[in-house]
């Protein structure tokens, strides 16, 4: 069965995180660990804020993530990044 890819409308990208997520995930897998730069953190923050969350720096490498329902959790930079990945995958 042939499929014409032009028949489907492409998904509209709204944030930089959506464009960069696959590349970053591949790097994490290849490195065997998650290490998030400050620049990557800003991209994740932008994505989380777009989806109704707030992310505050609390010091000592910790962040306070407040989701759109008011649930608060204190997490690391890597944890915040994983939260963005979960939202991108539609699991939160």
C-alpha atoms as a PDB file:
ATOM      1  CA  UNK A   1       0.000   0.000   0.000  1.00  0.00           C
ATOM      2  CA  UNK A   2       1.398   3.349  -0.993  1.00  0.00           C
ATOM      3  CA  UNK A   3       1.251   6.242   1.376  1.00  0.00           C
ATOM      4  CA  UNK A   4       1.454   9.825   0.265  1.00  0.00           C
ATOM      5  CA  UNK A   5       3.154  11.747   3.042  1.00  0.00           C
ATOM      6  CA  UNK A   6       1.883  14.991   1.579  1.00  0.00           C
ATOM      7  CA  UNK A   7      -1.678  13.961   2.490  1.00  0.00           C
ATOM      8  CA  UNK A   8      -0.916  14.434   6.185  1.00  0.00           C
ATOM      9  CA  UNK A   9      -0.388  17.846   7.650  1.00  0.00           C
ATOM     10  CA  UNK A  10       2.941  18.039   9.523  1.00  0.00           C
ATOM     11  CA  UNK A  11       2.871  18.587  13.260  1.00  0.00           C
ATOM     12  CA  UNK A  12       3.512  22.221  14.078  1.00  0.00           C
ATOM     13  CA  UNK A  13       6.593  22.752  16.241  1.00  0.00           C
ATOM     14  CA  UNK A  14       5.971  25.314  18.966  1.00  0.00           C
ATOM     15  CA  UNK A  15       9.176  25.241  21.027  1.00  0.00           C
ATOM     16  CA  UNK A  16      12.888  24.711  20.525  1.00  0.00           C
ATOM     17  CA  UNK A  17      12.763  21.716  22.883  1.00  0.00           C
ATOM     18  CA  UNK A  18      10.589  19.810  20.410  1.00  0.00           C
ATOM     19  CA  UNK A  19      13.276  20.250  17.762  1.00  0.00           C
ATOM     20  CA  UNK A  20      16.223  19.397  19.999  1.00  0.00           C
ATOM     21  CA  UNK A  21      14.805  16.554  22.128  1.00  0.00           C
ATOM     22  CA  UNK A  22      15.735  13.636  19.861  1.00  0.00           C
ATOM     23  CA  UNK A  23      19.305  14.883  19.414  1.00  0.00           C
ATOM     24  CA  UNK A  24      19.756  15.387  23.145  1.00  0.00           C
ATOM     25  CA  UNK A  25      18.216  12.014  24.028  1.00  0.00           C
ATOM     26  CA  UNK A  26      20.561  10.300  21.578  1.00  0.00           C
ATOM     27  CA  UNK A  27      23.538  12.022  23.207  1.00  0.00           C
ATOM     28  CA  UNK A  28      22.373  10.938  26.678  1.00  0.00           C
ATOM     29  CA  UNK A  29      22.065   7.323  25.510  1.00  0.00           C
ATOM     30  CA  UNK A  30      25.484   7.382  23.840  1.00  0.00           C
ATOM     31  CA  UNK A  31      27.113   8.973  26.917  1.00  0.00           C
ATOM     32  CA  UNK A  32      25.350   6.580  29.293  1.00  0.00           C
ATOM     33  CA  UNK A  33      24.203   9.440  31.509  1.00  0.00           C
ATOM     34  CA  UNK A  34      22.100  12.563  31.486  1.00  0.00           C
ATOM     35  CA  UNK A  35      24.117  15.759  31.710  1.00  0.00           C
ATOM     36  CA  UNK A  36      22.184  18.942  30.972  1.00  0.00           C
ATOM     37  CA  UNK A  37      23.925  22.206  30.112  1.00  0.00           C
ATOM     38  CA  UNK A  38      22.529  25.584  31.169  1.00  0.00           C
ATOM     39  CA  UNK A  39      21.574  26.283  27.543  1.00  0.00           C
ATOM     40  CA  UNK A  40      19.671  22.994  27.298  1.00  0.00           C
ATOM     41  CA  UNK A  41      18.015  23.791  30.620  1.00  0.00           C
ATOM     42  CA  UNK A  42      16.699  27.060  29.213  1.00  0.00           C
ATOM     43  CA  UNK A  43      15.221  25.180  26.244  1.00  0.00           C
ATOM     44  CA  UNK A  44      13.520  22.737  28.640  1.00  0.00           C
ATOM     45  CA  UNK A  45      12.283  25.617  30.824  1.00  0.00           C
ATOM     46  CA  UNK A  46      10.745  27.305  27.772  1.00  0.00           C
ATOM     47  CA  UNK A  47       8.933  24.061  26.893  1.00  0.00           C
ATOM     48  CA  UNK A  48       7.672  23.484  30.453  1.00  0.00           C
ATOM     49  CA  UNK A  49       6.419  27.060  30.711  1.00  0.00           C
ATOM     50  CA  UNK A  50       4.653  26.707  27.361  1.00  0.00           C
ATOM     51  CA  UNK A  51       2.813  23.751  28.899  1.00  0.00           C
ATOM     52  CA  UNK A  52       1.672  25.664  31.981  1.00  0.00           C
ATOM     53  CA  UNK A  53       4.455  24.848  34.432  1.00  0.00           C
ATOM     54  CA  UNK A  54       6.766  27.177  36.279  1.00  0.00           C
ATOM     55  CA  UNK A  55      10.365  26.316  37.011  1.00  0.00           C
ATOM     56  CA  UNK A  56      12.212  28.318  39.650  1.00  0.00           C
ATOM     57  CA  UNK A  57      15.876  28.064  40.573  1.00  0.00           C
ATOM     58  CA  UNK A  58      16.175  27.437  44.320  1.00  0.00           C
ATOM     59  CA  UNK A  59      19.955  27.119  44.536  1.00  0.00           C
ATOM     60  CA  UNK A  60      22.423  24.316  44.952  1.00  0.00           C
ATOM     61  CA  UNK A  61      21.536  22.898  41.545  1.00  0.00           C
ATOM     62  CA  UNK A  62      17.913  22.438  42.581  1.00  0.00           C
ATOM     63  CA  UNK A  63      14.759  23.676  40.870  1.00  0.00           C
ATOM     64  CA  UNK A  64      11.165  23.969  41.999  1.00  0.00           C
ATOM     65  CA  UNK A  65       8.747  22.681  39.380  1.00  0.00           C
ATOM     66  CA  UNK A  66       5.101  23.669  39.758  1.00  0.00           C
ATOM     67  CA  UNK A  67       2.770  21.976  37.297  1.00  0.00           C
ATOM     68  CA  UNK A  68      -0.438  23.499  35.959  1.00  0.00           C
ATOM     69  CA  UNK A  69      -2.429  21.788  38.752  1.00  0.00           C
ATOM     70  CA  UNK A  70      -0.290  23.369  41.490  1.00  0.00           C
ATOM     71  CA  UNK A  71       1.710  20.239  42.354  1.00  0.00           C
ATOM     72  CA  UNK A  72       5.172  21.264  43.546  1.00  0.00           C
ATOM     73  CA  UNK A  73       8.310  19.165  43.410  1.00  0.00           C
ATOM     74  CA  UNK A  74      11.924  20.037  44.027  1.00  0.00           C
ATOM     75  CA  UNK A  75      14.171  18.456  41.426  1.00  0.00           C
ATOM     76  CA  UNK A  76      17.613  18.632  39.860  1.00  0.00           C
ATOM     77  CA  UNK A  77      18.364  20.092  36.436  1.00  0.00           C
ATOM     78  CA  UNK A  78      18.303  16.558  35.015  1.00  0.00           C
ATOM     79  CA  UNK A  79      14.963  15.872  36.710  1.00  0.00           C
ATOM     80  CA  UNK A  80      13.491  19.003  35.164  1.00  0.00           C
ATOM     81  CA  UNK A  81      14.742  17.874  31.789  1.00  0.00           C
ATOM     82  CA  UNK A  82      13.135  14.450  32.244  1.00  0.00           C
ATOM     83  CA  UNK A  83       9.870  16.174  33.204  1.00  0.00           C
ATOM     84  CA  UNK A  84      10.011  18.017  29.869  1.00  0.00           C
ATOM     85  CA  UNK A  85      10.648  14.731  28.032  1.00  0.00           C
ATOM     86  CA  UNK A  86       7.633  13.130  29.778  1.00  0.00           C
ATOM     87  CA  UNK A  87       5.396  16.012  28.736  1.00  0.00           C
ATOM     88  CA  UNK A  88       6.698  15.834  25.185  1.00  0.00           C
ATOM     89  CA  UNK A  89       5.834  12.133  25.099  1.00  0.00           C
ATOM     90  CA  UNK A  90       2.350  12.925  26.438  1.00  0.00           C
ATOM     91  CA  UNK A  91       2.798  11.030  29.675  1.00  0.00           C
ATOM     92  CA  UNK A  92       2.078  14.008  31.937  1.00  0.00           C
END
